[in-house]
Amino acid sequence: MDTFAHRTWVPFYLASFGTISIGFFRALDGVMLLSSLLLVGAALAIIFITIQGEVERCNRQKELMETLSQKAKAAGEGRQSDAK
């Protein structure tokens, strides 16, 4: 996975960090413990789903590049046999 393809990573991690921080601070104060845990759980679930989607997207892109390179190699071999 290309870690430098930022897309939405910076705002996503800032929002996630803020959500988890708020949830933990509320939980430490004992205020709205259940809502804090739900907030943290939702943020972690979104993080997991997003990372899983990015990994799947990168895998699909890698497979596409391999397929295209095989087709290009086959086309190049076909041209070489036509030239002979």
N, C-alpha and C. Protein backbone atom coordinates (compact mmCIF):
# COMPACT_ATOMS: atom_id res chain seq x y z
N MET A 1 0.84 -1.17 0.00
CA MET A 1 0.00 0.00 0.00
C MET A 1 0.90 1.24 0.00
N ASP A 2 0.60 2.17 -0.86
CA ASP A 2 1.38 3.40 -0.96
C ASP A 2 0.93 4.35 0.14
N THR A 3 1.77 4.50 1.15
CA THR A 3 1.40 5.33 2.29
C THR A 3 1.42 6.82 1.96
N PHE A 4 2.04 7.19 0.84
CA PHE A 4 2.12 8.59 0.48
C PHE A 4 0.96 9.05 -0.40
N ALA A 5 0.06 8.14 -0.75
CA ALA A 5 -1.15 8.52 -1.47
C ALA A 5 -2.15 8.98 -0.41
N HIS A 6 -2.14 10.25 -0.09
CA HIS A 6 -2.84 10.76 1.08
C HIS A 6 -4.36 10.62 1.01
N ARG A 7 -4.94 10.90 -0.13
CA ARG A 7 -6.39 10.91 -0.27
C ARG A 7 -7.05 11.58 0.93
N THR A 8 -7.60 10.83 1.85
CA THR A 8 -8.26 11.46 3.01
C THR A 8 -7.62 11.04 4.32
N TRP A 9 -6.38 10.57 4.29
CA TRP A 9 -5.77 10.03 5.50
C TRP A 9 -5.57 11.06 6.59
N VAL A 10 -5.06 12.24 6.27
CA VAL A 10 -4.75 13.23 7.31
C VAL A 10 -6.03 13.69 8.01
N PRO A 11 -7.06 14.17 7.30
CA PRO A 11 -8.27 14.57 8.02
C PRO A 11 -8.95 13.40 8.72
N PHE A 12 -8.86 12.22 8.12
CA PHE A 12 -9.48 11.04 8.72
C PHE A 12 -8.84 10.72 10.07
N TYR A 13 -7.51 10.70 10.12
CA TYR A 13 -6.85 10.38 11.38
C TYR A 13 -7.01 11.49 12.41
N LEU A 14 -7.03 12.74 11.98
CA LEU A 14 -7.28 13.82 12.92
C LEU A 14 -8.67 13.71 13.54
N ALA A 15 -9.67 13.43 12.71
CA ALA A 15 -11.04 13.28 13.21
C ALA A 15 -11.14 12.07 14.13
N SER A 16 -10.50 10.97 13.75
CA SER A 16 -10.53 9.77 14.57
C SER A 16 -9.84 10.00 15.92
N PHE A 17 -8.69 10.64 15.89
CA PHE A 17 -7.96 10.92 17.12
C PHE A 17 -8.78 11.82 18.04
N GLY A 18 -9.41 12.83 17.46
CA GLY A 18 -10.25 13.72 18.26
C GLY A 18 -11.43 13.00 18.87
N THR A 19 -12.08 12.14 18.10
CA THR A 19 -13.23 11.38 18.60
C THR A 19 -12.82 10.45 19.73
N ILE A 20 -11.73 9.74 19.54
CA ILE A 20 -11.28 8.80 20.58
C ILE A 20 -10.82 9.56 21.82
N SER A 21 -10.16 10.70 21.65
CA SER A 21 -9.72 11.50 22.79
C SER A 21 -10.91 12.01 23.60
N ILE A 22 -11.91 12.54 22.91
CA ILE A 22 -13.10 13.02 23.60
C ILE A 22 -13.78 11.89 24.35
N GLY A 23 -13.88 10.73 23.71
CA GLY A 23 -14.50 9.59 24.36
C GLY A 23 -13.77 9.15 25.61
N PHE A 24 -12.44 9.09 25.54
CA PHE A 24 -11.67 8.68 26.71
C PHE A 24 -11.72 9.71 27.82
N PHE A 25 -11.69 11.00 27.48
CA PHE A 25 -11.77 12.02 28.51
C PHE A 25 -13.12 11.99 29.21
N ARG A 26 -14.17 11.75 28.45
CA ARG A 26 -15.50 11.64 29.08
C ARG A 26 -15.57 10.41 29.97
N ALA A 27 -14.95 9.32 29.50
CA ALA A 27 -14.97 8.09 30.29
C ALA A 27 -14.16 8.26 31.58
N LEU A 28 -13.05 8.99 31.52
CA LEU A 28 -12.24 9.22 32.71
C LEU A 28 -12.99 10.06 33.74
N ASP A 29 -13.79 11.01 33.27
CA ASP A 29 -14.56 11.85 34.18
C ASP A 29 -15.78 11.11 34.72
N GLY A 30 -16.11 9.98 34.13
CA GLY A 30 -17.28 9.24 34.57
C GLY A 30 -18.59 9.79 34.02
N VAL A 31 -18.50 10.76 33.10
CA VAL A 31 -19.69 11.35 32.52
C VAL A 31 -20.05 10.60 31.26
N MET A 32 -21.25 10.13 31.20
CA MET A 32 -21.77 9.48 30.00
C MET A 32 -20.84 8.36 29.53
N LEU A 33 -20.57 7.43 30.40
CA LEU A 33 -19.63 6.35 30.12
C LEU A 33 -20.09 5.51 28.93
N LEU A 34 -21.35 5.19 28.88
CA LEU A 34 -21.86 4.37 27.78
C LEU A 34 -21.73 5.08 26.44
N SER A 35 -22.08 6.36 26.39
CA SER A 35 -21.97 7.09 25.13
C SER A 35 -20.51 7.24 24.71
N SER A 36 -19.61 7.39 25.68
CA SER A 36 -18.19 7.48 25.36
C SER A 36 -17.69 6.18 24.76
N LEU A 37 -18.08 5.06 25.34
CA LEU A 37 -17.65 3.78 24.81
C LEU A 37 -18.23 3.53 23.43
N LEU A 38 -19.48 3.93 23.20
CA LEU A 38 -20.08 3.79 21.88
C LEU A 38 -19.36 4.68 20.86
N LEU A 39 -19.00 5.87 21.27
CA LEU A 39 -18.28 6.80 20.39
C LEU A 39 -16.92 6.23 20.00
N VAL A 40 -16.20 5.71 20.96
CA VAL A 40 -14.89 5.11 20.69
C VAL A 40 -15.05 3.87 19.82
N GLY A 41 -16.04 3.03 20.12
CA GLY A 41 -16.27 1.83 19.32
C GLY A 41 -16.62 2.16 17.87
N ALA A 42 -17.44 3.19 17.68
CA ALA A 42 -17.80 3.60 16.32
C ALA A 42 -16.58 4.13 15.57
N ALA A 43 -15.75 4.91 16.25
CA ALA A 43 -14.54 5.45 15.60
C ALA A 43 -13.59 4.32 15.21
N LEU A 44 -13.41 3.35 16.10
CA LEU A 44 -12.52 2.23 15.78
C LEU A 44 -13.07 1.38 14.65
N ALA A 45 -14.39 1.20 14.62
CA ALA A 45 -15.01 0.43 13.53
C ALA A 45 -14.82 1.14 12.19
N ILE A 46 -14.99 2.44 12.18
CA ILE A 46 -14.81 3.20 10.94
C ILE A 46 -13.35 3.13 10.48
N ILE A 47 -12.42 3.22 11.44
CA ILE A 47 -11.00 3.10 11.09
C ILE A 47 -10.72 1.74 10.46
N PHE A 48 -11.21 0.68 11.08
CA PHE A 48 -10.98 -0.67 10.57
C PHE A 48 -11.57 -0.84 9.18
N ILE A 49 -12.79 -0.39 8.98
CA ILE A 49 -13.47 -0.55 7.68
C ILE A 49 -12.73 0.25 6.60
N THR A 50 -12.30 1.45 6.93
CA THR A 50 -11.59 2.28 5.96
C THR A 50 -10.25 1.67 5.57
N ILE A 51 -9.50 1.20 6.54
CA ILE A 51 -8.21 0.59 6.24
C ILE A 51 -8.39 -0.68 5.43
N GLN A 52 -9.40 -1.48 5.77
CA GLN A 52 -9.67 -2.70 5.01
C GLN A 52 -10.04 -2.36 3.57
N GLY A 53 -10.83 -1.33 3.36
CA GLY A 53 -11.19 -0.90 2.02
C GLY A 53 -9.99 -0.42 1.22
N GLU A 54 -9.09 0.30 1.87
CA GLU A 54 -7.89 0.78 1.19
C GLU A 54 -6.98 -0.37 0.79
N VAL A 55 -6.84 -1.36 1.67
CA VAL A 55 -6.01 -2.52 1.35
C VAL A 55 -6.61 -3.28 0.17
N GLU A 56 -7.93 -3.47 0.17
CA GLU A 56 -8.59 -4.15 -0.95
C GLU A 56 -8.43 -3.37 -2.24
N ARG A 57 -8.53 -2.04 -2.17
CA ARG A 57 -8.36 -1.21 -3.36
C ARG A 57 -6.94 -1.35 -3.92
N CYS A 58 -5.96 -1.36 -3.03
CA CYS A 58 -4.57 -1.52 -3.47
C CYS A 58 -4.34 -2.90 -4.08
N ASN A 59 -4.95 -3.92 -3.50
CA ASN A 59 -4.81 -5.27 -4.06
C ASN A 59 -5.43 -5.36 -5.44
N ARG A 60 -6.62 -4.75 -5.63
CA ARG A 60 -7.25 -4.74 -6.95
C ARG A 60 -6.39 -4.00 -7.96
N GLN A 61 -5.80 -2.89 -7.53
CA GLN A 61 -4.95 -2.11 -8.43
C GLN A 61 -3.70 -2.91 -8.80
N LYS A 62 -3.14 -3.64 -7.85
CA LYS A 62 -1.96 -4.46 -8.12
C LYS A 62 -2.30 -5.57 -9.10
N GLU A 63 -3.46 -6.23 -8.93
CA GLU A 63 -3.88 -7.27 -9.86
C GLU A 63 -4.11 -6.71 -11.25
N LEU A 64 -4.71 -5.53 -11.34
CA LEU A 64 -4.93 -4.88 -12.63
C LEU A 64 -3.62 -4.58 -13.32
N MET A 65 -2.64 -4.08 -12.57
CA MET A 65 -1.34 -3.77 -13.16
C MET A 65 -0.65 -5.05 -13.64
N GLU A 66 -0.76 -6.14 -12.90
CA GLU A 66 -0.17 -7.41 -13.34
C GLU A 66 -0.84 -7.91 -14.61
N THR A 67 -2.17 -7.80 -14.67
CA THR A 67 -2.90 -8.23 -15.87
C THR A 67 -2.50 -7.40 -17.07
N LEU A 68 -2.42 -6.09 -16.89
CA LEU A 68 -2.05 -5.21 -17.99
C LEU A 68 -0.62 -5.46 -18.46
N SER A 69 0.27 -5.72 -17.52
CA SER A 69 1.66 -5.99 -17.92
C SER A 69 1.77 -7.32 -18.66
N GLN A 70 0.98 -8.32 -18.28
CA GLN A 70 0.98 -9.59 -19.00
C GLN A 70 0.43 -9.41 -20.41
N LYS A 71 -0.63 -8.62 -20.55
CA LYS A 71 -1.19 -8.35 -21.87
C LYS A 71 -0.21 -7.58 -22.74
N ALA A 72 0.49 -6.61 -22.15
CA ALA A 72 1.47 -5.84 -22.91
C ALA A 72 2.64 -6.72 -23.33
N LYS A 73 3.05 -7.62 -22.45
CA LYS A 73 4.14 -8.53 -22.79
C LYS A 73 3.72 -9.46 -23.92
N ALA A 74 2.47 -9.98 -23.86
CA ALA A 74 1.98 -10.86 -24.91
C ALA A 74 1.86 -10.11 -26.24
N ALA A 75 1.42 -8.87 -26.19
CA ALA A 75 1.30 -8.07 -27.42
C ALA A 75 2.68 -7.79 -28.01
N GLY A 76 3.67 -7.57 -27.15
CA GLY A 76 5.02 -7.34 -27.64
C GLY A 76 5.62 -8.58 -28.27
N GLU A 77 5.33 -9.74 -27.71
CA GLU A 77 5.81 -10.98 -28.29
C GLU A 77 5.14 -11.24 -29.65
N GLY A 78 3.88 -10.86 -29.78
CA GLY A 78 3.15 -11.03 -31.04
C GLY A 78 3.75 -10.16 -32.12
N ARG A 79 4.16 -8.96 -31.79
CA ARG A 79 4.78 -8.05 -32.75
C ARG A 79 6.12 -8.55 -33.22
N GLN A 80 6.88 -9.15 -32.28
CA GLN A 80 8.19 -9.66 -32.63
C GLN A 80 8.08 -10.83 -33.60
N SER A 81 7.08 -11.69 -33.43
CA SER A 81 6.92 -12.83 -34.34
C SER A 81 6.42 -12.37 -35.71
N ASP A 82 5.63 -11.27 -35.77
CA ASP A 82 5.17 -10.72 -37.03
C ASP A 82 6.33 -10.08 -37.80
N ALA A 83 7.28 -9.51 -37.08
CA ALA A 83 8.41 -8.84 -37.73
C ALA A 83 9.38 -9.83 -38.35
N LYS A 84 9.41 -11.05 -37.84
CA LYS A 84 10.33 -12.06 -38.37
C LYS A 84 9.76 -12.58 -39.63
